Amino acid sequence: AIGGVIDGCPPLVEIDEAFIRAEMAR
């Protein structure tokens, strides 16, 4: 696998997994 850790992201950001999947598909 590959992966990562994002540190410093502000709280209460709504995570749209469908949008993330669309970006990954590109």
mmCIF file of all heavy atoms, coordinates in Angstrom:
data_MODEL
# 
_entry.id   MODEL 
# 
loop_
_atom_site.group_PDB 
_atom_site.id 
_atom_site.type_symbol 
_atom_site.label_atom_id 
_atom_site.label_alt_id 
_atom_site.label_comp_id 
_atom_site.label_asym_id 
_atom_site.label_entity_id 
_atom_site.label_seq_id 
_atom_site.pdbx_PDB_ins_code 
_atom_site.Cartn_x 
_atom_site.Cartn_y 
_atom_site.Cartn_z 
_atom_site.occupancy 
_atom_site.B_iso_or_equiv 
_atom_site.pdbx_formal_charge 
_atom_site.auth_seq_id 
_atom_site.auth_comp_id 
_atom_site.auth_asym_id 
_atom_site.auth_atom_id 
_atom_site.pdbx_PDB_model_num 
ATOM 1   N N   . ALA A 1 1  ? 0.842   -1.200 0.000   1.00 0.00 ? 1  ALA A N   1 
ATOM 2   C CA  . ALA A 1 1  ? 0.000   0.000  0.000   1.00 0.00 ? 1  ALA A CA  1 
ATOM 3   C C   . ALA A 1 1  ? 0.874   1.246  0.000   1.00 0.00 ? 1  ALA A C   1 
ATOM 4   O O   . ALA A 1 1  ? 2.066   1.196  0.306   1.00 0.00 ? 1  ALA A O   1 
ATOM 5   C CB  . ALA A 1 1  ? -0.919  0.018  1.219   1.00 0.00 ? 1  ALA A CB  1 
ATOM 6   N N   . ILE A 1 2  ? 0.265   2.352  -0.376  1.00 0.00 ? 2  ILE A N   1 
ATOM 7   C CA  . ILE A 1 2  ? 0.849   3.664  -0.146  1.00 0.00 ? 2  ILE A CA  1 
ATOM 8   C C   . ILE A 1 2  ? -0.140  4.435  0.721   1.00 0.00 ? 2  ILE A C   1 
ATOM 9   O O   . ILE A 1 2  ? -1.265  3.974  0.958   1.00 0.00 ? 2  ILE A O   1 
ATOM 10  C CB  . ILE A 1 2  ? 1.100   4.420  -1.469  1.00 0.00 ? 2  ILE A CB  1 
ATOM 11  C CG1 . ILE A 1 2  ? -0.208  4.565  -2.255  1.00 0.00 ? 2  ILE A CG1 1 
ATOM 12  C CG2 . ILE A 1 2  ? 2.165   3.728  -2.299  1.00 0.00 ? 2  ILE A CG2 1 
ATOM 13  C CD1 . ILE A 1 2  ? -0.082  5.434  -3.476  1.00 0.00 ? 2  ILE A CD1 1 
ATOM 14  N N   . GLY A 1 3  ? 0.274   5.587  1.209   1.00 0.00 ? 3  GLY A N   1 
ATOM 15  C CA  . GLY A 1 3  ? -0.650  6.348  2.044   1.00 0.00 ? 3  GLY A CA  1 
ATOM 16  C C   . GLY A 1 3  ? 0.003   7.595  2.582   1.00 0.00 ? 3  GLY A C   1 
ATOM 17  O O   . GLY A 1 3  ? 1.060   8.023  2.103   1.00 0.00 ? 3  GLY A O   1 
ATOM 18  N N   . GLY A 1 4  ? -0.629  8.172  3.577   1.00 0.00 ? 4  GLY A N   1 
ATOM 19  C CA  . GLY A 1 4  ? -0.094  9.408  4.123   1.00 0.00 ? 4  GLY A CA  1 
ATOM 20  C C   . GLY A 1 4  ? -0.750  9.815  5.425   1.00 0.00 ? 4  GLY A C   1 
ATOM 21  O O   . GLY A 1 4  ? -1.722  9.196  5.881   1.00 0.00 ? 4  GLY A O   1 
ATOM 22  N N   . VAL A 1 5  ? -0.208  10.866 6.001   1.00 0.00 ? 5  VAL A N   1 
ATOM 23  C CA  . VAL A 1 5  ? -0.767  11.486 7.203   1.00 0.00 ? 5  VAL A CA  1 
ATOM 24  C C   . VAL A 1 5  ? -0.831  12.987 6.956   1.00 0.00 ? 5  VAL A C   1 
ATOM 25  O O   . VAL A 1 5  ? 0.175   13.607 6.593   1.00 0.00 ? 5  VAL A O   1 
ATOM 26  C CB  . VAL A 1 5  ? 0.093   11.193 8.453   1.00 0.00 ? 5  VAL A CB  1 
ATOM 27  C CG1 . VAL A 1 5  ? -0.480  11.932 9.671   1.00 0.00 ? 5  VAL A CG1 1 
ATOM 28  C CG2 . VAL A 1 5  ? 0.162   9.696  8.718   1.00 0.00 ? 5  VAL A CG2 1 
ATOM 29  N N   . ILE A 1 6  ? -2.016  13.554 7.112   1.00 0.00 ? 6  ILE A N   1 
ATOM 30  C CA  . ILE A 1 6  ? -2.201  14.999 7.017   1.00 0.00 ? 6  ILE A CA  1 
ATOM 31  C C   . ILE A 1 6  ? -2.272  15.552 8.430   1.00 0.00 ? 6  ILE A C   1 
ATOM 32  O O   . ILE A 1 6  ? -3.127  15.160 9.216   1.00 0.00 ? 6  ILE A O   1 
ATOM 33  C CB  . ILE A 1 6  ? -3.503  15.352 6.264   1.00 0.00 ? 6  ILE A CB  1 
ATOM 34  C CG1 . ILE A 1 6  ? -3.511  14.723 4.876   1.00 0.00 ? 6  ILE A CG1 1 
ATOM 35  C CG2 . ILE A 1 6  ? -3.669  16.869 6.169   1.00 0.00 ? 6  ILE A CG2 1 
ATOM 36  C CD1 . ILE A 1 6  ? -4.863  14.794 4.186   1.00 0.00 ? 6  ILE A CD1 1 
ATOM 37  N N   . ASP A 1 7  ? -1.355  16.454 8.743   1.00 0.00 ? 7  ASP A N   1 
ATOM 38  C CA  . ASP A 1 7  ? -1.330  17.067 10.077  1.00 0.00 ? 7  ASP A CA  1 
ATOM 39  C C   . ASP A 1 7  ? -1.609  18.558 9.914   1.00 0.00 ? 7  ASP A C   1 
ATOM 40  O O   . ASP A 1 7  ? -1.156  19.198 8.968   1.00 0.00 ? 7  ASP A O   1 
ATOM 41  C CB  . ASP A 1 7  ? 0.045   16.863 10.718  1.00 0.00 ? 7  ASP A CB  1 
ATOM 42  C CG  . ASP A 1 7  ? 0.008   17.033 12.227  1.00 0.00 ? 7  ASP A CG  1 
ATOM 43  O OD1 . ASP A 1 7  ? -1.099  17.128 12.781  1.00 0.00 ? 7  ASP A OD1 1 
ATOM 44  O OD2 . ASP A 1 7  ? 1.087   17.071 12.831  1.00 0.00 ? 7  ASP A OD2 1 
ATOM 45  N N   . GLY A 1 8  ? -2.367  19.113 10.848  1.00 0.00 ? 8  GLY A N   1 
ATOM 46  C CA  . GLY A 1 8  ? -2.658  20.542 10.805  1.00 0.00 ? 8  GLY A CA  1 
ATOM 47  C C   . GLY A 1 8  ? -3.951  20.892 10.117  1.00 0.00 ? 8  GLY A C   1 
ATOM 48  O O   . GLY A 1 8  ? -4.237  22.076 9.900   1.00 0.00 ? 8  GLY A O   1 
ATOM 49  N N   . CYS A 1 9  ? -4.749  19.892 9.733   1.00 0.00 ? 9  CYS A N   1 
ATOM 50  C CA  . CYS A 1 9  ? -6.031  20.183 9.103   1.00 0.00 ? 9  CYS A CA  1 
ATOM 51  C C   . CYS A 1 9  ? -6.999  20.729 10.161  1.00 0.00 ? 9  CYS A C   1 
ATOM 52  O O   . CYS A 1 9  ? -7.149  20.138 11.233  1.00 0.00 ? 9  CYS A O   1 
ATOM 53  C CB  . CYS A 1 9  ? -6.623  18.930 8.469   1.00 0.00 ? 9  CYS A CB  1 
ATOM 54  S SG  . CYS A 1 9  ? -8.195  19.220 7.607   1.00 0.00 ? 9  CYS A SG  1 
ATOM 55  N N   . PRO A 1 10 ? -7.645  21.844 9.897   1.00 0.00 ? 10 PRO A N   1 
ATOM 56  C CA  . PRO A 1 10 ? -8.584  22.412 10.875  1.00 0.00 ? 10 PRO A CA  1 
ATOM 57  C C   . PRO A 1 10 ? -9.731  21.448 11.171  1.00 0.00 ? 10 PRO A C   1 
ATOM 58  O O   . PRO A 1 10 ? -10.088 20.616 10.328  1.00 0.00 ? 10 PRO A O   1 
ATOM 59  C CB  . PRO A 1 10 ? -9.107  23.677 10.183  1.00 0.00 ? 10 PRO A CB  1 
ATOM 60  C CG  . PRO A 1 10 ? -8.097  23.993 9.138   1.00 0.00 ? 10 PRO A CG  1 
ATOM 61  C CD  . PRO A 1 10 ? -7.540  22.675 8.695   1.00 0.00 ? 10 PRO A CD  1 
ATOM 62  N N   . PRO A 1 11 ? -10.334 21.538 12.336  1.00 0.00 ? 11 PRO A N   1 
ATOM 63  C CA  . PRO A 1 11 ? -11.487 20.695 12.648  1.00 0.00 ? 11 PRO A CA  1 
ATOM 64  C C   . PRO A 1 11 ? -12.743 21.171 11.922  1.00 0.00 ? 11 PRO A C   1 
ATOM 65  O O   . PRO A 1 11 ? -12.790 22.296 11.403  1.00 0.00 ? 11 PRO A O   1 
ATOM 66  C CB  . PRO A 1 11 ? -11.639 20.857 14.166  1.00 0.00 ? 11 PRO A CB  1 
ATOM 67  C CG  . PRO A 1 11 ? -11.079 22.220 14.448  1.00 0.00 ? 11 PRO A CG  1 
ATOM 68  C CD  . PRO A 1 11 ? -9.943  22.396 13.471  1.00 0.00 ? 11 PRO A CD  1 
ATOM 69  N N   . LEU A 1 12 ? -13.739 20.306 11.868  1.00 0.00 ? 12 LEU A N   1 
ATOM 70  C CA  . LEU A 1 12 ? -15.077 20.597 11.338  1.00 0.00 ? 12 LEU A CA  1 
ATOM 71  C C   . LEU A 1 12 ? -15.108 20.830 9.825   1.00 0.00 ? 12 LEU A C   1 
ATOM 72  O O   . LEU A 1 12 ? -16.052 21.415 9.309   1.00 0.00 ? 12 LEU A O   1 
ATOM 73  C CB  . LEU A 1 12 ? -15.700 21.800 12.060  1.00 0.00 ? 12 LEU A CB  1 
ATOM 74  C CG  . LEU A 1 12 ? -15.825 21.660 13.580  1.00 0.00 ? 12 LEU A CG  1 
ATOM 75  C CD1 . LEU A 1 12 ? -16.422 22.926 14.186  1.00 0.00 ? 12 LEU A CD1 1 
ATOM 76  C CD2 . LEU A 1 12 ? -16.674 20.440 13.927  1.00 0.00 ? 12 LEU A CD2 1 
ATOM 77  N N   . VAL A 1 13 ? -14.089 20.366 9.108   1.00 0.00 ? 13 VAL A N   1 
ATOM 78  C CA  . VAL A 1 13 ? -14.141 20.379 7.648   1.00 0.00 ? 13 VAL A CA  1 
ATOM 79  C C   . VAL A 1 13 ? -14.959 19.167 7.207   1.00 0.00 ? 13 VAL A C   1 
ATOM 80  O O   . VAL A 1 13 ? -14.651 18.030 7.577   1.00 0.00 ? 13 VAL A O   1 
ATOM 81  C CB  . VAL A 1 13 ? -12.730 20.306 7.035   1.00 0.00 ? 13 VAL A CB  1 
ATOM 82  C CG1 . VAL A 1 13 ? -12.821 20.204 5.517   1.00 0.00 ? 13 VAL A CG1 1 
ATOM 83  C CG2 . VAL A 1 13 ? -11.899 21.512 7.449   1.00 0.00 ? 13 VAL A CG2 1 
ATOM 84  N N   . GLU A 1 14 ? -16.013 19.393 6.447   1.00 0.00 ? 14 GLU A N   1 
ATOM 85  C CA  . GLU A 1 14 ? -16.866 18.297 5.996   1.00 0.00 ? 14 GLU A CA  1 
ATOM 86  C C   . GLU A 1 14 ? -16.154 17.517 4.886   1.00 0.00 ? 14 GLU A C   1 
ATOM 87  O O   . GLU A 1 14 ? -15.798 18.086 3.856   1.00 0.00 ? 14 GLU A O   1 
ATOM 88  C CB  . GLU A 1 14 ? -18.200 18.833 5.498   1.00 0.00 ? 14 GLU A CB  1 
ATOM 89  C CG  . GLU A 1 14 ? -19.046 19.469 6.608   1.00 0.00 ? 14 GLU A CG  1 
ATOM 90  C CD  . GLU A 1 14 ? -20.421 19.856 6.122   1.00 0.00 ? 14 GLU A CD  1 
ATOM 91  O OE1 . GLU A 1 14 ? -20.764 19.520 4.966   1.00 0.00 ? 14 GLU A OE1 1 
ATOM 92  O OE2 . GLU A 1 14 ? -21.152 20.504 6.890   1.00 0.00 ? 14 GLU A OE2 1 
ATOM 93  N N   . ILE A 1 15 ? -15.962 16.242 5.118   1.00 0.00 ? 15 ILE A N   1 
ATOM 94  C CA  . ILE A 1 15 ? -15.227 15.403 4.172   1.00 0.00 ? 15 ILE A CA  1 
ATOM 95  C C   . ILE A 1 15 ? -16.200 14.759 3.194   1.00 0.00 ? 15 ILE A C   1 
ATOM 96  O O   . ILE A 1 15 ? -17.030 13.936 3.577   1.00 0.00 ? 15 ILE A O   1 
ATOM 97  C CB  . ILE A 1 15 ? -14.413 14.317 4.910   1.00 0.00 ? 15 ILE A CB  1 
ATOM 98  C CG1 . ILE A 1 15 ? -13.360 14.966 5.799   1.00 0.00 ? 15 ILE A CG1 1 
ATOM 99  C CG2 . ILE A 1 15 ? -13.768 13.362 3.917   1.00 0.00 ? 15 ILE A CG2 1 
ATOM 100 C CD1 . ILE A 1 15 ? -12.355 15.815 5.042   1.00 0.00 ? 15 ILE A CD1 1 
ATOM 101 N N   . ASP A 1 16 ? -16.098 15.158 1.953   1.00 0.00 ? 16 ASP A N   1 
ATOM 102 C CA  . ASP A 1 16 ? -16.939 14.619 0.880   1.00 0.00 ? 16 ASP A CA  1 
ATOM 103 C C   . ASP A 1 16 ? -16.170 13.481 0.213   1.00 0.00 ? 16 ASP A C   1 
ATOM 104 O O   . ASP A 1 16 ? -15.344 13.707 -0.664  1.00 0.00 ? 16 ASP A O   1 
ATOM 105 C CB  . ASP A 1 16 ? -17.260 15.733 -0.113  1.00 0.00 ? 16 ASP A CB  1 
ATOM 106 C CG  . ASP A 1 16 ? -18.202 15.286 -1.218  1.00 0.00 ? 16 ASP A CG  1 
ATOM 107 O OD1 . ASP A 1 16 ? -18.388 14.067 -1.380  1.00 0.00 ? 16 ASP A OD1 1 
ATOM 108 O OD2 . ASP A 1 16 ? -18.720 16.159 -1.943  1.00 0.00 ? 16 ASP A OD2 1 
ATOM 109 N N   . GLU A 1 17 ? -16.436 12.247 0.632   1.00 0.00 ? 17 GLU A N   1 
ATOM 110 C CA  . GLU A 1 17 ? -15.688 11.107 0.103   1.00 0.00 ? 17 GLU A CA  1 
ATOM 111 C C   . GLU A 1 17 ? -15.947 10.889 -1.378  1.00 0.00 ? 17 GLU A C   1 
ATOM 112 O O   . GLU A 1 17 ? -15.059 10.420 -2.109  1.00 0.00 ? 17 GLU A O   1 
ATOM 113 C CB  . GLU A 1 17 ? -15.996 9.842  0.908   1.00 0.00 ? 17 GLU A CB  1 
ATOM 114 C CG  . GLU A 1 17 ? -15.475 9.892  2.341   1.00 0.00 ? 17 GLU A CG  1 
ATOM 115 C CD  . GLU A 1 17 ? -15.424 8.525  2.992   1.00 0.00 ? 17 GLU A CD  1 
ATOM 116 O OE1 . GLU A 1 17 ? -15.610 7.513  2.281   1.00 0.00 ? 17 GLU A OE1 1 
ATOM 117 O OE2 . GLU A 1 17 ? -15.179 8.465  4.212   1.00 0.00 ? 17 GLU A OE2 1 
ATOM 118 N N   . ALA A 1 18 ? -17.142 11.226 -1.853  1.00 0.00 ? 18 ALA A N   1 
ATOM 119 C CA  . ALA A 1 18 ? -17.433 11.090 -3.281  1.00 0.00 ? 18 ALA A CA  1 
ATOM 120 C C   . ALA A 1 18 ? -16.547 12.030 -4.091  1.00 0.00 ? 18 ALA A C   1 
ATOM 121 O O   . ALA A 1 18 ? -16.052 11.659 -5.166  1.00 0.00 ? 18 ALA A O   1 
ATOM 122 C CB  . ALA A 1 18 ? -18.909 11.381 -3.548  1.00 0.00 ? 18 ALA A CB  1 
ATOM 123 N N   . PHE A 1 19 ? -16.335 13.241 -3.578  1.00 0.00 ? 19 PHE A N   1 
ATOM 124 C CA  . PHE A 1 19 ? -15.457 14.189 -4.267  1.00 0.00 ? 19 PHE A CA  1 
ATOM 125 C C   . PHE A 1 19 ? -14.019 13.678 -4.268  1.00 0.00 ? 19 PHE A C   1 
ATOM 126 O O   . PHE A 1 19 ? -13.326 13.755 -5.290  1.00 0.00 ? 19 PHE A O   1 
ATOM 127 C CB  . PHE A 1 19 ? -15.529 15.556 -3.583  1.00 0.00 ? 19 PHE A CB  1 
ATOM 128 C CG  . PHE A 1 19 ? -14.539 16.554 -4.120  1.00 0.00 ? 19 PHE A CG  1 
ATOM 129 C CD1 . PHE A 1 19 ? -14.717 17.127 -5.367  1.00 0.00 ? 19 PHE A CD1 1 
ATOM 130 C CD2 . PHE A 1 19 ? -13.414 16.910 -3.380  1.00 0.00 ? 19 PHE A CD2 1 
ATOM 131 C CE1 . PHE A 1 19 ? -13.793 18.036 -5.878  1.00 0.00 ? 19 PHE A CE1 1 
ATOM 132 C CE2 . PHE A 1 19 ? -12.490 17.816 -3.887  1.00 0.00 ? 19 PHE A CE2 1 
ATOM 133 C CZ  . PHE A 1 19 ? -12.694 18.381 -5.134  1.00 0.00 ? 19 PHE A CZ  1 
ATOM 134 N N   . ILE A 1 20 ? -13.569 13.140 -3.142  1.00 0.00 ? 20 ILE A N   1 
ATOM 135 C CA  . ILE A 1 20 ? -12.201 12.614 -3.074  1.00 0.00 ? 20 ILE A CA  1 
ATOM 136 C C   . ILE A 1 20 ? -12.032 11.465 -4.065  1.00 0.00 ? 20 ILE A C   1 
ATOM 137 O O   . ILE A 1 20 ? -11.025 11.374 -4.773  1.00 0.00 ? 20 ILE A O   1 
ATOM 138 C CB  . ILE A 1 20 ? -11.864 12.156 -1.644  1.00 0.00 ? 20 ILE A CB  1 
ATOM 139 C CG1 . ILE A 1 20 ? -11.914 13.340 -0.669  1.00 0.00 ? 20 ILE A CG1 1 
ATOM 140 C CG2 . ILE A 1 20 ? -10.485 11.497 -1.600  1.00 0.00 ? 20 ILE A CG2 1 
ATOM 141 C CD1 . ILE A 1 20 ? -11.727 12.958 0.784   1.00 0.00 ? 20 ILE A CD1 1 
ATOM 142 N N   . ARG A 1 21 ? -13.031 10.580 -4.145  1.00 0.00 ? 21 ARG A N   1 
ATOM 143 C CA  . ARG A 1 21 ? -12.953 9.466  -5.096  1.00 0.00 ? 21 ARG A CA  1 
ATOM 144 C C   . ARG A 1 21 ? -12.886 9.968  -6.534  1.00 0.00 ? 21 ARG A C   1 
ATOM 145 O O   . ARG A 1 21 ? -12.157 9.417  -7.367  1.00 0.00 ? 21 ARG A O   1 
ATOM 146 C CB  . ARG A 1 21 ? -14.155 8.535  -4.918  1.00 0.00 ? 21 ARG A CB  1 
ATOM 147 C CG  . ARG A 1 21 ? -14.082 7.669  -3.665  1.00 0.00 ? 21 ARG A CG  1 
ATOM 148 C CD  . ARG A 1 21 ? -15.154 6.592  -3.645  1.00 0.00 ? 21 ARG A CD  1 
ATOM 149 N NE  . ARG A 1 21 ? -14.999 5.779  -2.464  1.00 0.00 ? 21 ARG A NE  1 
ATOM 150 C CZ  . ARG A 1 21 ? -15.573 6.039  -1.286  1.00 0.00 ? 21 ARG A CZ  1 
ATOM 151 N NH1 . ARG A 1 21 ? -16.353 7.111  -1.159  1.00 0.00 ? 21 ARG A NH1 1 
ATOM 152 N NH2 . ARG A 1 21 ? -15.370 5.254  -0.247  1.00 0.00 ? 21 ARG A NH2 1 
ATOM 153 N N   . ALA A 1 22 ? -13.655 11.003 -6.832  1.00 0.00 ? 22 ALA A N   1 
ATOM 154 C CA  . ALA A 1 22 ? -13.634 11.561 -8.186  1.00 0.00 ? 22 ALA A CA  1 
ATOM 155 C C   . ALA A 1 22 ? -12.261 12.134 -8.521  1.00 0.00 ? 22 ALA A C   1 
ATOM 156 O O   . ALA A 1 22 ? -11.767 11.980 -9.653  1.00 0.00 ? 22 ALA A O   1 
ATOM 157 C CB  . ALA A 1 22 ? -14.707 12.635 -8.322  1.00 0.00 ? 22 ALA A CB  1 
ATOM 158 N N   . GLU A 1 23 ? -11.628 12.793 -7.542  1.00 0.00 ? 23 GLU A N   1 
ATOM 159 C CA  . GLU A 1 23 ? -10.284 13.325 -7.757  1.00 0.00 ? 23 GLU A CA  1 
ATOM 160 C C   . GLU A 1 23 ? -9.275  12.193 -7.958  1.00 0.00 ? 23 GLU A C   1 
ATOM 161 O O   . GLU A 1 23 ? -8.416  12.263 -8.842  1.00 0.00 ? 23 GLU A O   1 
ATOM 162 C CB  . GLU A 1 23 ? -9.871  14.190 -6.557  1.00 0.00 ? 23 GLU A CB  1 
ATOM 163 C CG  . GLU A 1 23 ? -10.635 15.495 -6.432  1.00 0.00 ? 23 GLU A CG  1 
ATOM 164 C CD  . GLU A 1 23 ? -10.311 16.445 -7.561  1.00 0.00 ? 23 GLU A CD  1 
ATOM 165 O OE1 . GLU A 1 23 ? -9.239  17.083 -7.525  1.00 0.00 ? 23 GLU A OE1 1 
ATOM 166 O OE2 . GLU A 1 23 ? -11.136 16.557 -8.499  1.00 0.00 ? 23 GLU A OE2 1 
ATOM 167 N N   . MET A 1 24 ? -9.402  11.143 -7.157  1.00 0.00 ? 24 MET A N   1 
ATOM 168 C CA  . MET A 1 24 ? -8.493  10.002 -7.288  1.00 0.00 ? 24 MET A CA  1 
ATOM 169 C C   . MET A 1 24 ? -8.661  9.318  -8.647  1.00 0.00 ? 24 MET A C   1 
ATOM 170 O O   . MET A 1 24 ? -7.685  8.869  -9.257  1.00 0.00 ? 24 MET A O   1 
ATOM 171 C CB  . MET A 1 24 ? -8.762  8.995  -6.165  1.00 0.00 ? 24 MET A CB  1 
ATOM 172 C CG  . MET A 1 24 ? -8.546  9.532  -4.755  1.00 0.00 ? 24 MET A CG  1 
ATOM 173 S SD  . MET A 1 24 ? -6.830  9.864  -4.379  1.00 0.00 ? 24 MET A SD  1 
ATOM 174 C CE  . MET A 1 24 ? -6.203  8.201  -4.191  1.00 0.00 ? 24 MET A CE  1 
ATOM 175 N N   . ALA A 1 25 ? -9.899  9.267  -9.137  1.00 0.00 ? 25 ALA A N   1 
ATOM 176 C CA  . ALA A 1 25 ? -10.165 8.615  -10.423 1.00 0.00 ? 25 ALA A CA  1 
ATOM 177 C C   . ALA A 1 25 ? -9.523  9.376  -11.573 1.00 0.00 ? 25 ALA A C   1 
ATOM 178 O O   . ALA A 1 25 ? -9.158  8.778  -12.593 1.00 0.00 ? 25 ALA A O   1 
ATOM 179 C CB  . ALA A 1 25 ? -11.672 8.509  -10.650 1.00 0.00 ? 25 ALA A CB  1 
ATOM 180 N N   . ARG A 1 26 ? -9.359  10.685 -11.417 1.00 0.00 ? 26 ARG A N   1 
ATOM 181 C CA  . ARG A 1 26 ? -8.732  11.483 -12.469 1.00 0.00 ? 26 ARG A CA  1 
ATOM 182 C C   . ARG A 1 26 ? -7.238  11.169 -12.599 1.00 0.00 ? 26 ARG A C   1 
ATOM 183 O O   . ARG A 1 26 ? -6.651  11.365 -13.658 1.00 0.00 ? 26 ARG A O   1 
ATOM 184 C CB  . ARG A 1 26 ? -8.923  12.975 -12.185 1.00 0.00 ? 26 ARG A CB  1 
ATOM 185 C CG  . ARG A 1 26 ? -10.357 13.438 -12.221 1.00 0.00 ? 26 ARG A CG  1 
ATOM 186 C CD  . ARG A 1 26 ? -10.477 14.869 -11.728 1.00 0.00 ? 26 ARG A CD  1 
ATOM 187 N NE  . ARG A 1 26 ? -9.794  15.787 -12.625 1.00 0.00 ? 26 ARG A NE  1 
ATOM 188 C CZ  . ARG A 1 26 ? -9.161  16.889 -12.237 1.00 0.00 ? 26 ARG A CZ  1 
ATOM 189 N NH1 . ARG A 1 26 ? -9.078  17.186 -10.940 1.00 0.00 ? 26 ARG A NH1 1 
ATOM 190 N NH2 . ARG A 1 26 ? -8.591  17.680 -13.114 1.00 0.00 ? 26 ARG A NH2 1 
# 
